[in-house]
């Protein structure tokens, strides 16, 4: 975290590997991810019990766990809302996220089922 002058004032680092239970649990059961999940659900403005709210919840639950661990709340909101939008407009889409230290990119590619076949 940086102060108003751009100087670093705080750093969080998680070293090591997550346990297998962290990769198999639902996002809202993992403390660090729960905050991001709650943020996305709140910022989306979708009622949790609506069709779209349930679809967004399913999208977040289906994302790779590493994306949930490494994305910020805003990145997760942008990606999950974009995926939700693909359900209405069937098309191919690439979601790119740059790691916060600028070392790598993470990409999720969505291809409609009718275009992704053995041919």
PDB file of N, CA and C in Angstrom:
ATOM      1  N   UNK A   1       0.853  -1.178   0.000  1.00  0.00           N
ATOM      2  CA  UNK A   1       0.000   0.000   0.000  1.00  0.00           C
ATOM      3  C   UNK A   1       0.890   1.229   0.000  1.00  0.00           C
ATOM      4  N   UNK A   2       0.459   2.250  -0.725  1.00  0.00           N
ATOM      5  CA  UNK A   2       1.250   3.464  -0.855  1.00  0.00           C
ATOM      6  C   UNK A   2       0.519   4.641  -0.216  1.00  0.00           C
ATOM      7  N   UNK A   3       1.265   5.590   0.305  1.00  0.00           N
ATOM      8  CA  UNK A   3       0.645   6.795   0.879  1.00  0.00           C
ATOM      9  C   UNK A   3       0.369   7.805  -0.234  1.00  0.00           C
ATOM     10  N   UNK A   4      -0.110   8.975   0.124  1.00  0.00           N
ATOM     11  CA  UNK A   4      -0.489  10.002  -0.849  1.00  0.00           C
ATOM     12  C   UNK A   4       0.687  10.464  -1.710  1.00  0.00           C
ATOM     13  N   UNK A   5       1.911  10.340  -1.193  1.00  0.00           N
ATOM     14  CA  UNK A   5       3.104  10.745  -1.939  1.00  0.00           C
ATOM     15  C   UNK A   5       3.673   9.620  -2.792  1.00  0.00           C
ATOM     16  N   UNK A   6       3.033   8.452  -2.761  1.00  0.00           N
ATOM     17  CA  UNK A   6       3.504   7.322  -3.543  1.00  0.00           C
ATOM     18  C   UNK A   6       4.575   6.492  -2.887  1.00  0.00           C
ATOM     19  N   UNK A   7       4.820   6.743  -1.587  1.00  0.00           N
ATOM     20  CA  UNK A   7       5.824   5.962  -0.868  1.00  0.00           C
ATOM     21  C   UNK A   7       5.169   4.711  -0.284  1.00  0.00           C
ATOM     22  N   UNK A   8       5.870   3.572  -0.353  1.00  0.00           N
ATOM     23  CA  UNK A   8       5.298   2.358   0.225  1.00  0.00           C
ATOM     24  C   UNK A   8       5.211   2.475   1.752  1.00  0.00           C
ATOM     25  N   UNK A   9       4.053   2.113   2.294  1.00  0.00           N
ATOM     26  CA  UNK A   9       3.862   2.184   3.742  1.00  0.00           C
ATOM     27  C   UNK A   9       3.447   0.846   4.345  1.00  0.00           C
ATOM     28  N   UNK A  10       3.022  -0.089   3.516  1.00  0.00           N
ATOM     29  CA  UNK A  10       2.610  -1.387   4.032  1.00  0.00           C
ATOM     30  C   UNK A  10       2.716  -2.432   2.931  1.00  0.00           C
ATOM     31  N   UNK A  11       3.052  -3.637   3.341  1.00  0.00           N
ATOM     32  CA  UNK A  11       3.162  -4.722   2.385  1.00  0.00           C
ATOM     33  C   UNK A  11       2.599  -5.993   3.011  1.00  0.00           C
ATOM     34  N   UNK A  12       1.869  -6.760   2.224  1.00  0.00           N
ATOM     35  CA  UNK A  12       1.369  -8.061   2.667  1.00  0.00           C
ATOM     36  C   UNK A  12       1.976  -9.111   1.751  1.00  0.00           C
ATOM     37  N   UNK A  13       2.526 -10.144   2.333  1.00  0.00           N
ATOM     38  CA  UNK A  13       3.093 -11.227   1.539  1.00  0.00           C
ATOM     39  C   UNK A  13       2.613 -12.545   2.115  1.00  0.00           C
ATOM     40  N   UNK A  14       2.215 -13.422   1.224  1.00  0.00           N
ATOM     41  CA  UNK A  14       1.836 -14.769   1.609  1.00  0.00           C
ATOM     42  C   UNK A  14       2.854 -15.697   0.985  1.00  0.00           C
ATOM     43  N   UNK A  15       3.614 -16.365   1.789  1.00  0.00           N
ATOM     44  CA  UNK A  15       4.664 -17.244   1.305  1.00  0.00           C
ATOM     45  C   UNK A  15       4.250 -18.692   1.497  1.00  0.00           C
ATOM     46  N   UNK A  16       4.591 -19.508   0.530  1.00  0.00           N
ATOM     47  CA  UNK A  16       4.266 -20.914   0.619  1.00  0.00           C
ATOM     48  C   UNK A  16       3.092 -21.267  -0.261  1.00  0.00           C
ATOM     49  N   UNK A  17       2.590 -22.445  -0.058  1.00  0.00           N
ATOM     50  CA  UNK A  17       1.492 -22.949  -0.864  1.00  0.00           C
ATOM     51  C   UNK A  17       0.217 -22.976  -0.035  1.00  0.00           C
ATOM     52  N   UNK A  18      -0.901 -22.822  -0.714  1.00  0.00           N
ATOM     53  CA  UNK A  18      -2.178 -22.980  -0.034  1.00  0.00           C
ATOM     54  C   UNK A  18      -2.455 -24.473   0.119  1.00  0.00           C
ATOM     55  N   UNK A  19      -3.193 -24.822   1.140  1.00  0.00           N
ATOM     56  CA  UNK A  19      -3.542 -26.224   1.338  1.00  0.00           C
ATOM     57  C   UNK A  19      -4.579 -26.640   0.303  1.00  0.00           C
ATOM     58  N   UNK A  20      -4.720 -27.925   0.122  1.00  0.00           N
ATOM     59  CA  UNK A  20      -5.693 -28.411  -0.859  1.00  0.00           C
ATOM     60  C   UNK A  20      -7.108 -28.004  -0.478  1.00  0.00           C
ATOM     61  N   UNK A  21      -7.388 -27.865   0.814  1.00  0.00           N
ATOM     62  CA  UNK A  21      -8.740 -27.457   1.217  1.00  0.00           C
ATOM     63  C   UNK A  21      -9.044 -26.029   0.770  1.00  0.00           C
ATOM     64  N   UNK A  22      -8.035 -25.167   0.681  1.00  0.00           N
ATOM     65  CA  UNK A  22      -8.257 -23.801   0.195  1.00  0.00           C
ATOM     66  C   UNK A  22      -8.658 -23.805  -1.274  1.00  0.00           C
ATOM     67  N   UNK A  23      -8.148 -24.760  -2.020  1.00  0.00           N
ATOM     68  CA  UNK A  23      -8.487 -24.850  -3.437  1.00  0.00           C
ATOM     69  C   UNK A  23      -9.827 -25.542  -3.679  1.00  0.00           C
ATOM     70  N   UNK A  24     -10.320 -26.265  -2.703  1.00  0.00           N
ATOM     71  CA  UNK A  24     -11.560 -27.016  -2.871  1.00  0.00           C
ATOM     72  C   UNK A  24     -12.755 -26.394  -2.169  1.00  0.00           C
ATOM     73  N   UNK A  25     -12.533 -25.385  -1.367  1.00  0.00           N
ATOM     74  CA  UNK A  25     -13.630 -24.758  -0.633  1.00  0.00           C
ATOM     75  C   UNK A  25     -14.313 -23.705  -1.488  1.00  0.00           C
ATOM     76  N   UNK A  26     -15.501 -23.363  -1.083  1.00  0.00           N
ATOM     77  CA  UNK A  26     -16.231 -22.311  -1.779  1.00  0.00           C
ATOM     78  C   UNK A  26     -15.588 -20.964  -1.450  1.00  0.00           C
ATOM     79  N   UNK A  27     -15.616 -20.028  -2.395  1.00  0.00           N
ATOM     80  CA  UNK A  27     -14.936 -18.741  -2.187  1.00  0.00           C
ATOM     81  C   UNK A  27     -15.364 -18.020  -0.911  1.00  0.00           C
ATOM     82  N   UNK A  28     -16.632 -18.081  -0.553  1.00  0.00           N
ATOM     83  CA  UNK A  28     -17.110 -17.357   0.621  1.00  0.00           C
ATOM     84  C   UNK A  28     -16.722 -18.062   1.918  1.00  0.00           C
ATOM     85  N   UNK A  29     -16.081 -19.236   1.827  1.00  0.00           N
ATOM     86  CA  UNK A  29     -15.584 -19.936   3.012  1.00  0.00           C
ATOM     87  C   UNK A  29     -14.092 -19.703   3.238  1.00  0.00           C
ATOM     88  N   UNK A  30     -13.430 -18.977   2.342  1.00  0.00           N
ATOM     89  CA  UNK A  30     -11.996 -18.690   2.445  1.00  0.00           C
ATOM     90  C   UNK A  30     -11.867 -17.227   2.867  1.00  0.00           C
ATOM     91  N   UNK A  31     -11.349 -16.955   4.063  1.00  0.00           N
ATOM     92  CA  UNK A  31     -11.367 -15.579   4.590  1.00  0.00           C
ATOM     93  C   UNK A  31     -10.854 -14.510   3.644  1.00  0.00           C
ATOM     94  N   UNK A  32      -9.702 -14.684   3.029  1.00  0.00           N
ATOM     95  CA  UNK A  32      -9.146 -13.627   2.171  1.00  0.00           C
ATOM     96  C   UNK A  32      -9.979 -13.441   0.905  1.00  0.00           C
ATOM     97  N   UNK A  33     -10.568 -14.504   0.423  1.00  0.00           N
ATOM     98  CA  UNK A  33     -11.377 -14.442  -0.793  1.00  0.00           C
ATOM     99  C   UNK A  33     -12.793 -13.962  -0.473  1.00  0.00           C
ATOM    100  N   UNK A  34     -13.282 -14.250   0.712  1.00  0.00           N
ATOM    101  CA  UNK A  34     -14.631 -13.840   1.107  1.00  0.00           C
ATOM    102  C   UNK A  34     -14.811 -12.329   0.983  1.00  0.00           C
ATOM    103  N   UNK A  35     -13.794 -11.578   1.365  1.00  0.00           N
ATOM    104  CA  UNK A  35     -13.864 -10.118   1.262  1.00  0.00           C
ATOM    105  C   UNK A  35     -14.035  -9.690  -0.192  1.00  0.00           C
ATOM    106  N   UNK A  36     -13.323 -10.321  -1.098  1.00  0.00           N
ATOM    107  CA  UNK A  36     -13.431  -9.988  -2.522  1.00  0.00           C
ATOM    108  C   UNK A  36     -14.779 -10.426  -3.079  1.00  0.00           C
ATOM    109  N   UNK A  37     -15.231 -11.601  -2.654  1.00  0.00           N
ATOM    110  CA  UNK A  37     -16.538 -12.096  -3.086  1.00  0.00           C
ATOM    111  C   UNK A  37     -17.634 -11.124  -2.640  1.00  0.00           C
ATOM    112  N   UNK A  38     -17.610 -10.723  -1.367  1.00  0.00           N
ATOM    113  CA  UNK A  38     -18.603  -9.775  -0.848  1.00  0.00           C
ATOM    114  C   UNK A  38     -18.541  -8.449  -1.612  1.00  0.00           C
ATOM    115  N   UNK A  39     -17.331  -7.996  -1.922  1.00  0.00           N
ATOM    116  CA  UNK A  39     -17.138  -6.751  -2.661  1.00  0.00           C
ATOM    117  C   UNK A  39     -17.793  -6.850  -4.041  1.00  0.00           C
ATOM    118  N   UNK A  40     -17.526  -7.935  -4.742  1.00  0.00           N
ATOM    119  CA  UNK A  40     -18.081  -8.116  -6.085  1.00  0.00           C
ATOM    120  C   UNK A  40     -19.596  -8.167  -6.038  1.00  0.00           C
ATOM    121  N   UNK A  41     -20.141  -8.924  -5.106  1.00  0.00           N
ATOM    122  CA  UNK A  41     -21.597  -9.047  -5.021  1.00  0.00           C
ATOM    123  C   UNK A  41     -22.237  -7.695  -4.691  1.00  0.00           C
ATOM    124  N   UNK A  42     -21.607  -6.939  -3.808  1.00  0.00           N
ATOM    125  CA  UNK A  42     -22.155  -5.626  -3.433  1.00  0.00           C
ATOM    126  C   UNK A  42     -22.061  -4.642  -4.594  1.00  0.00           C
ATOM    127  N   UNK A  43     -20.883  -4.563  -5.210  1.00  0.00           N
ATOM    128  CA  UNK A  43     -20.671  -3.592  -6.289  1.00  0.00           C
ATOM    129  C   UNK A  43     -21.465  -3.933  -7.553  1.00  0.00           C
ATOM    130  N   UNK A  44     -21.807  -5.200  -7.740  1.00  0.00           N
ATOM    131  CA  UNK A  44     -22.566  -5.583  -8.926  1.00  0.00           C
ATOM    132  C   UNK A  44     -23.977  -5.009  -8.880  1.00  0.00           C
ATOM    133  N   UNK A  45     -24.484  -4.786  -7.666  1.00  0.00           N
ATOM    134  CA  UNK A  45     -25.837  -4.261  -7.525  1.00  0.00           C
ATOM    135  C   UNK A  45     -26.923  -5.294  -7.776  1.00  0.00           C
ATOM    136  N   UNK A  46     -26.536  -6.544  -7.962  1.00  0.00           N
ATOM    137  CA  UNK A  46     -27.510  -7.595  -8.236  1.00  0.00           C
ATOM    138  C   UNK A  46     -28.030  -8.189  -6.934  1.00  0.00           C
ATOM    139  N   UNK A  47     -29.334  -8.340  -6.799  1.00  0.00           N
ATOM    140  CA  UNK A  47     -29.864  -9.019  -5.611  1.00  0.00           C
ATOM    141  C   UNK A  47     -29.345 -10.458  -5.569  1.00  0.00           C
ATOM    142  N   UNK A  48     -28.901 -10.897  -4.405  1.00  0.00           N
ATOM    143  CA  UNK A  48     -28.285 -12.222  -4.272  1.00  0.00           C
ATOM    144  C   UNK A  48     -29.219 -13.350  -4.701  1.00  0.00           C
ATOM    145  N   UNK A  49     -30.515 -13.181  -4.519  1.00  0.00           N
ATOM    146  CA  UNK A  49     -31.457 -14.250  -4.859  1.00  0.00           C
ATOM    147  C   UNK A  49     -32.043 -14.120  -6.259  1.00  0.00           C
ATOM    148  N   UNK A  50     -31.596 -13.131  -7.032  1.00  0.00           N
ATOM    149  CA  UNK A  50     -32.083 -12.982  -8.398  1.00  0.00           C
ATOM    150  C   UNK A  50     -31.375 -13.981  -9.307  1.00  0.00           C
ATOM    151  N   UNK A  51     -31.917 -14.150 -10.493  1.00  0.00           N
ATOM    152  CA  UNK A  51     -31.298 -15.055 -11.466  1.00  0.00           C
ATOM    153  C   UNK A  51     -29.867 -14.614 -11.772  1.00  0.00           C
ATOM    154  N   UNK A  52     -29.684 -13.326 -12.034  1.00  0.00           N
ATOM    155  CA  UNK A  52     -28.347 -12.812 -12.360  1.00  0.00           C
ATOM    156  C   UNK A  52     -27.411 -12.871 -11.157  1.00  0.00           C
ATOM    157  N   UNK A  53     -27.941 -12.614  -9.959  1.00  0.00           N
ATOM    158  CA  UNK A  53     -27.129 -12.703  -8.750  1.00  0.00           C
ATOM    159  C   UNK A  53     -26.622 -14.113  -8.518  1.00  0.00           C
ATOM    160  N   UNK A  54     -27.482 -15.097  -8.737  1.00  0.00           N
ATOM    161  CA  UNK A  54     -27.081 -16.506  -8.590  1.00  0.00           C
ATOM    162  C   UNK A  54     -26.080 -16.894  -9.673  1.00  0.00           C
ATOM    163  N   UNK A  55     -26.275 -16.372 -10.878  1.00  0.00           N
ATOM    164  CA  UNK A  55     -25.334 -16.664 -11.961  1.00  0.00           C
ATOM    165  C   UNK A  55     -23.956 -16.078 -11.647  1.00  0.00           C
ATOM    166  N   UNK A  56     -23.925 -14.858 -11.113  1.00  0.00           N
ATOM    167  CA  UNK A  56     -22.650 -14.240 -10.747  1.00  0.00           C
ATOM    168  C   UNK A  56     -21.968 -15.034  -9.637  1.00  0.00           C
ATOM    169  N   UNK A  57     -22.732 -15.480  -8.683  1.00  0.00           N
ATOM    170  CA  UNK A  57     -22.182 -16.302  -7.590  1.00  0.00           C
ATOM    171  C   UNK A  57     -21.560 -17.576  -8.158  1.00  0.00           C
ATOM    172  N   UNK A  58     -22.248 -18.200  -9.106  1.00  0.00           N
ATOM    173  CA  UNK A  58     -21.735 -19.424  -9.726  1.00  0.00           C
ATOM    174  C   UNK A  58     -20.446 -19.144 -10.512  1.00  0.00           C
ATOM    175  N   UNK A  59     -20.405 -18.013 -11.207  1.00  0.00           N
ATOM    176  CA  UNK A  59     -19.210 -17.639 -11.968  1.00  0.00           C
ATOM    177  C   UNK A  59     -18.011 -17.504 -11.038  1.00  0.00           C
ATOM    178  N   UNK A  60     -18.199 -16.799  -9.933  1.00  0.00           N
ATOM    179  CA  UNK A  60     -17.104 -16.616  -8.972  1.00  0.00           C
ATOM    180  C   UNK A  60     -16.673 -17.958  -8.401  1.00  0.00           C
ATOM    181  N   UNK A  61     -17.645 -18.805  -8.106  1.00  0.00           N
ATOM    182  CA  UNK A  61     -17.331 -20.123  -7.546  1.00  0.00           C
ATOM    183  C   UNK A  61     -16.577 -20.997  -8.545  1.00  0.00           C
ATOM    184  N   UNK A  62     -16.800 -20.766  -9.842  1.00  0.00           N
ATOM    185  CA  UNK A  62     -16.187 -21.593 -10.883  1.00  0.00           C
ATOM    186  C   UNK A  62     -14.818 -21.095 -11.342  1.00  0.00           C
ATOM    187  N   UNK A  63     -14.462 -19.873 -10.991  1.00  0.00           N
ATOM    188  CA  UNK A  63     -13.169 -19.334 -11.418  1.00  0.00           C
ATOM    189  C   UNK A  63     -12.017 -20.120 -10.784  1.00  0.00           C
ATOM    190  N   UNK A  64     -10.885 -20.171 -11.476  1.00  0.00           N
ATOM    191  CA  UNK A  64      -9.712 -20.817 -10.866  1.00  0.00           C
ATOM    192  C   UNK A  64      -9.366 -20.135  -9.541  1.00  0.00           C
ATOM    193  N   UNK A  65      -9.065 -20.920  -8.554  1.00  0.00           N
ATOM    194  CA  UNK A  65      -8.790 -20.380  -7.214  1.00  0.00           C
ATOM    195  C   UNK A  65      -7.617 -19.408  -7.223  1.00  0.00           C
ATOM    196  N   UNK A  66      -6.625 -19.643  -8.054  1.00  0.00           N
ATOM    197  CA  UNK A  66      -5.493 -18.713  -8.113  1.00  0.00           C
ATOM    198  C   UNK A  66      -5.953 -17.326  -8.551  1.00  0.00           C
ATOM    199  N   UNK A  67      -6.945 -17.257  -9.437  1.00  0.00           N
ATOM    200  CA  UNK A  67      -7.490 -15.957  -9.831  1.00  0.00           C
ATOM    201  C   UNK A  67      -8.154 -15.281  -8.643  1.00  0.00           C
ATOM    202  N   UNK A  68      -8.840 -16.053  -7.833  1.00  0.00           N
ATOM    203  CA  UNK A  68      -9.502 -15.480  -6.659  1.00  0.00           C
ATOM    204  C   UNK A  68      -8.488 -14.995  -5.632  1.00  0.00           C
ATOM    205  N   UNK A  69      -7.400 -15.716  -5.471  1.00  0.00           N
ATOM    206  CA  UNK A  69      -6.376 -15.336  -4.506  1.00  0.00           C
ATOM    207  C   UNK A  69      -5.587 -14.119  -4.975  1.00  0.00           C
ATOM    208  N   UNK A  70      -5.334 -14.011  -6.273  1.00  0.00           N
ATOM    209  CA  UNK A  70      -4.417 -12.996  -6.783  1.00  0.00           C
ATOM    210  C   UNK A  70      -5.093 -11.735  -7.305  1.00  0.00           C
ATOM    211  N   UNK A  71      -6.362 -11.789  -7.619  1.00  0.00           N
ATOM    212  CA  UNK A  71      -7.071 -10.624  -8.157  1.00  0.00           C
ATOM    213  C   UNK A  71      -7.462  -9.655  -7.050  1.00  0.00           C
ATOM    214  N   UNK A  72      -7.506  -8.390  -7.390  1.00  0.00           N
ATOM    215  CA  UNK A  72      -8.084  -7.404  -6.474  1.00  0.00           C
ATOM    216  C   UNK A  72      -9.605  -7.481  -6.613  1.00  0.00           C
ATOM    217  N   UNK A  73     -10.313  -6.813  -5.726  1.00  0.00           N
ATOM    218  CA  UNK A  73     -11.767  -6.786  -5.806  1.00  0.00           C
ATOM    219  C   UNK A  73     -12.254  -6.215  -7.124  1.00  0.00           C
ATOM    220  N   UNK A  74     -11.627  -5.116  -7.575  1.00  0.00           N
ATOM    221  CA  UNK A  74     -12.026  -4.498  -8.839  1.00  0.00           C
ATOM    222  C   UNK A  74     -11.731  -5.397 -10.037  1.00  0.00           C
ATOM    223  N   UNK A  75     -10.593  -6.084 -10.022  1.00  0.00           N
ATOM    224  CA  UNK A  75     -10.262  -7.002 -11.114  1.00  0.00           C
ATOM    225  C   UNK A  75     -11.254  -8.154 -11.160  1.00  0.00           C
ATOM    226  N   UNK A  76     -11.580  -8.676  -9.987  1.00  0.00           N
ATOM    227  CA  UNK A  76     -12.532  -9.775  -9.915  1.00  0.00           C
ATOM    228  C   UNK A  76     -13.922  -9.332 -10.363  1.00  0.00           C
ATOM    229  N   UNK A  77     -14.305  -8.126 -10.003  1.00  0.00           N
ATOM    230  CA  UNK A  77     -15.594  -7.580 -10.436  1.00  0.00           C
ATOM    231  C   UNK A  77     -15.627  -7.439 -11.952  1.00  0.00           C
ATOM    232  N   UNK A  78     -14.583  -6.884 -12.533  1.00  0.00           N
ATOM    233  CA  UNK A  78     -14.513  -6.680 -13.981  1.00  0.00           C
ATOM    234  C   UNK A  78     -14.589  -8.019 -14.725  1.00  0.00           C
ATOM    235  N   UNK A  79     -13.825  -9.003 -14.255  1.00  0.00           N
ATOM    236  CA  UNK A  79     -13.813 -10.310 -14.921  1.00  0.00           C
ATOM    237  C   UNK A  79     -15.148 -11.021 -14.771  1.00  0.00           C
ATOM    238  N   UNK A  80     -15.658 -11.112 -13.559  1.00  0.00           N
ATOM    239  CA  UNK A  80     -16.901 -11.860 -13.334  1.00  0.00           C
ATOM    240  C   UNK A  80     -18.092 -11.183 -14.012  1.00  0.00           C
ATOM    241  N   UNK A  81     -18.147  -9.862 -14.003  1.00  0.00           N
ATOM    242  CA  UNK A  81     -19.227  -9.156 -14.702  1.00  0.00           C
ATOM    243  C   UNK A  81     -19.105  -9.355 -16.211  1.00  0.00           C
ATOM    244  N   UNK A  82     -17.888  -9.387 -16.715  1.00  0.00           N
ATOM    245  CA  UNK A  82     -17.674  -9.648 -18.141  1.00  0.00           C
ATOM    246  C   UNK A  82     -18.115 -11.035 -18.541  1.00  0.00           C
ATOM    247  N   UNK A  83     -17.837 -12.014 -17.694  1.00  0.00           N
ATOM    248  CA  UNK A  83     -18.265 -13.387 -17.959  1.00  0.00           C
ATOM    249  C   UNK A  83     -19.787 -13.471 -17.911  1.00  0.00           C
ATOM    250  N   UNK A  84     -20.387 -12.792 -16.949  1.00  0.00           N
ATOM    251  CA  UNK A  84     -21.849 -12.763 -16.852  1.00  0.00           C
ATOM    252  C   UNK A  84     -22.453 -12.189 -18.132  1.00  0.00           C
ATOM    253  N   UNK A  85     -21.836 -11.161 -18.673  1.00  0.00           N
ATOM    254  CA  UNK A  85     -22.309 -10.561 -19.914  1.00  0.00           C
ATOM    255  C   UNK A  85     -22.220 -11.500 -21.102  1.00  0.00           C
ATOM    256  N   UNK A  86     -21.292 -12.446 -21.066  1.00  0.00           N
ATOM    257  CA  UNK A  86     -21.156 -13.405 -22.163  1.00  0.00           C
ATOM    258  C   UNK A  86     -22.342 -14.358 -22.244  1.00  0.00           C
ATOM    259  N   UNK A  87     -23.063 -14.525 -21.161  1.00  0.00           N
ATOM    260  CA  UNK A  87     -24.217 -15.416 -21.172  1.00  0.00           C
ATOM    261  C   UNK A  87     -25.344 -14.831 -22.018  1.00  0.00           C
ATOM    262  N   UNK A  88     -25.360 -13.519 -22.163  1.00  0.00           N
ATOM    263  CA  UNK A  88     -26.395 -12.878 -22.970  1.00  0.00           C
ATOM    264  C   UNK A  88     -25.949 -12.687 -24.417  1.00  0.00           C
ATOM    265  N   UNK A  89     -24.666 -12.381 -24.609  1.00  0.00           N
ATOM    266  CA  UNK A  89     -24.108 -12.235 -25.954  1.00  0.00           C
ATOM    267  C   UNK A  89     -23.046 -13.293 -26.135  1.00  0.00           C
ATOM    268  N   UNK A  90     -23.396 -14.359 -26.828  1.00  0.00           N
ATOM    269  CA  UNK A  90     -22.472 -15.474 -27.009  1.00  0.00           C
ATOM    270  C   UNK A  90     -21.384 -15.054 -27.988  1.00  0.00           C
ATOM    271  N   UNK A  91     -20.164 -14.969 -27.482  1.00  0.00           N
ATOM    272  CA  UNK A  91     -19.014 -14.616 -28.305  1.00  0.00           C
ATOM    273  C   UNK A  91     -17.742 -15.041 -27.583  1.00  0.00           C
ATOM    274  N   UNK A  92     -16.651 -15.032 -28.309  1.00  0.00           N
ATOM    275  CA  UNK A  92     -15.353 -15.345 -27.701  1.00  0.00           C
ATOM    276  C   UNK A  92     -14.844 -14.113 -26.976  1.00  0.00           C
ATOM    277  N   UNK A  93     -14.120 -14.332 -25.897  1.00  0.00           N
ATOM    278  CA  UNK A  93     -13.587 -13.192 -25.142  1.00  0.00           C
ATOM    279  C   UNK A  93     -12.355 -13.638 -24.361  1.00  0.00           C
ATOM    280  N   UNK A  94     -11.389 -12.735 -24.288  1.00  0.00           N
ATOM    281  CA  UNK A  94     -10.167 -12.947 -23.523  1.00  0.00           C
ATOM    282  C   UNK A  94     -10.167 -11.969 -22.353  1.00  0.00           C
ATOM    283  N   UNK A  95      -9.960 -12.480 -21.158  1.00  0.00           N
ATOM    284  CA  UNK A  95      -9.837 -11.648 -19.963  1.00  0.00           C
ATOM    285  C   UNK A  95      -8.389 -11.724 -19.506  1.00  0.00           C
ATOM    286  N   UNK A  96      -7.716 -10.573 -19.515  1.00  0.00           N
ATOM    287  CA  UNK A  96      -6.312 -10.506 -19.094  1.00  0.00           C
ATOM    288  C   UNK A  96      -6.201  -9.756 -17.775  1.00  0.00           C
ATOM    289  N   UNK A  97      -5.331 -10.251 -16.939  1.00  0.00           N
ATOM    290  CA  UNK A  97      -5.055  -9.581 -15.670  1.00  0.00           C
ATOM    291  C   UNK A  97      -3.551  -9.585 -15.467  1.00  0.00           C
ATOM    292  N   UNK A  98      -2.994  -8.412 -15.228  1.00  0.00           N
ATOM    293  CA  UNK A  98      -1.553  -8.315 -14.960  1.00  0.00           C
ATOM    294  C   UNK A  98      -1.324  -8.446 -13.470  1.00  0.00           C
ATOM    295  N   UNK A  99      -0.352  -9.225 -13.105  1.00  0.00           N
ATOM    296  CA  UNK A  99      -0.055  -9.399 -11.682  1.00  0.00           C
ATOM    297  C   UNK A  99       0.391  -8.062 -11.096  1.00  0.00           C
ATOM    298  N   UNK A 100       0.113  -7.861  -9.822  1.00  0.00           N
ATOM    299  CA  UNK A 100       0.341  -6.540  -9.214  1.00  0.00           C
ATOM    300  C   UNK A 100       1.799  -6.113  -9.191  1.00  0.00           C
ATOM    301  N   UNK A 101       2.723  -7.041  -9.386  1.00  0.00           N
ATOM    302  CA  UNK A 101       4.142  -6.682  -9.426  1.00  0.00           C
ATOM    303  C   UNK A 101       4.664  -6.584 -10.860  1.00  0.00           C
ATOM    304  N   UNK A 102       3.801  -6.785 -11.829  1.00  0.00           N
ATOM    305  CA  UNK A 102       4.179  -6.659 -13.227  1.00  0.00           C
ATOM    306  C   UNK A 102       5.046  -7.786 -13.749  1.00  0.00           C
ATOM    307  N   UNK A 103       5.011  -8.936 -13.098  1.00  0.00           N
ATOM    308  CA  UNK A 103       5.867 -10.048 -13.507  1.00  0.00           C
ATOM    309  C   UNK A 103       5.217 -10.958 -14.540  1.00  0.00           C
ATOM    310  N   UNK A 104       3.898 -11.067 -14.538  1.00  0.00           N
ATOM    311  CA  UNK A 104       3.238 -11.970 -15.467  1.00  0.00           C
ATOM    312  C   UNK A 104       1.810 -11.509 -15.730  1.00  0.00           C
ATOM    313  N   UNK A 105       1.207 -12.119 -16.729  1.00  0.00           N
ATOM    314  CA  UNK A 105      -0.190 -11.902 -17.052  1.00  0.00           C
ATOM    315  C   UNK A 105      -0.937 -13.209 -16.838  1.00  0.00           C
ATOM    316  N   UNK A 106      -2.165 -13.096 -16.447  1.00  0.00           N
ATOM    317  CA  UNK A 106      -3.039 -14.252 -16.336  1.00  0.00           C
ATOM    318  C   UNK A 106      -4.139 -14.060 -17.362  1.00  0.00           C
ATOM    319  N   UNK A 107      -4.457 -15.096 -18.104  1.00  0.00           N
ATOM    320  CA  UNK A 107      -5.484 -14.985 -19.129  1.00  0.00           C
ATOM    321  C   UNK A 107      -6.535 -16.060 -19.006  1.00  0.00           C
ATOM    322  N   UNK A 108      -7.783 -15.669 -19.142  1.00  0.00           N
ATOM    323  CA  UNK A 108      -8.899 -16.599 -19.205  1.00  0.00           C
ATOM    324  C   UNK A 108      -9.554 -16.408 -20.563  1.00  0.00           C
ATOM    325  N   UNK A 109      -9.712 -17.479 -21.305  1.00  0.00           N
ATOM    326  CA  UNK A 109     -10.307 -17.415 -22.629  1.00  0.00           C
ATOM    327  C   UNK A 109     -11.648 -18.127 -22.606  1.00  0.00           C
ATOM    328  N   UNK A 110     -12.672 -17.445 -23.072  1.00  0.00           N
ATOM    329  CA  UNK A 110     -14.003 -18.031 -23.176  1.00  0.00           C
ATOM    330  C   UNK A 110     -14.348 -18.157 -24.652  1.00  0.00           C
ATOM    331  N   UNK A 111     -14.694 -19.379 -25.051  1.00  0.00           N
ATOM    332  CA  UNK A 111     -15.053 -19.673 -26.432  1.00  0.00           C
ATOM    333  C   UNK A 111     -16.417 -20.346 -26.416  1.00  0.00           C
ATOM    334  N   UNK A 112     -17.355 -19.856 -27.235  1.00  0.00           N
ATOM    335  CA  UNK A 112     -18.673 -20.497 -27.276  1.00  0.00           C
ATOM    336  C   UNK A 112     -18.561 -21.971 -27.657  1.00  0.00           C
ATOM    337  N   UNK A 113     -19.402 -22.769 -27.086  1.00  0.00           N
ATOM    338  CA  UNK A 113     -19.365 -24.215 -27.288  1.00  0.00           C
ATOM    339  C   UNK A 113     -19.484 -24.590 -28.767  1.00  0.00           C
ATOM    340  N   UNK A 114     -20.304 -23.858 -29.528  1.00  0.00           N
ATOM    341  CA  UNK A 114     -20.478 -24.211 -30.937  1.00  0.00           C
ATOM    342  C   UNK A 114     -19.234 -23.921 -31.784  1.00  0.00           C
ATOM    343  N   UNK A 115     -18.332 -23.072 -31.296  1.00  0.00           N
ATOM    344  CA  UNK A 115     -17.079 -22.797 -32.018  1.00  0.00           C
ATOM    345  C   UNK A 115     -15.927 -23.671 -31.531  1.00  0.00           C
ATOM    346  N   UNK A 116     -16.082 -24.248 -30.380  1.00  0.00           N
ATOM    347  CA  UNK A 116     -15.030 -25.082 -29.795  1.00  0.00           C
ATOM    348  C   UNK A 116     -15.434 -26.544 -29.975  1.00  0.00           C
ATOM    349  N   UNK A 117     -14.951 -27.144 -31.061  1.00  0.00           N
ATOM    350  CA  UNK A 117     -15.307 -28.530 -31.336  1.00  0.00           C
ATOM    351  C   UNK A 117     -14.108 -29.251 -31.952  1.00  0.00           C
ATOM    352  N   UNK A 118     -14.297 -30.467 -32.347  1.00  0.00           N
ATOM    353  CA  UNK A 118     -13.180 -31.260 -32.866  1.00  0.00           C
ATOM    354  C   UNK A 118     -12.660 -30.740 -34.192  1.00  0.00           C
ATOM    355  N   UNK A 119     -13.478 -30.012 -34.950  1.00  0.00           N
ATOM    356  CA  UNK A 119     -13.002 -29.436 -36.220  1.00  0.00           C
ATOM    357  C   UNK A 119     -12.038 -28.294 -35.944  1.00  0.00           C
TER     358      UNK A 119
END
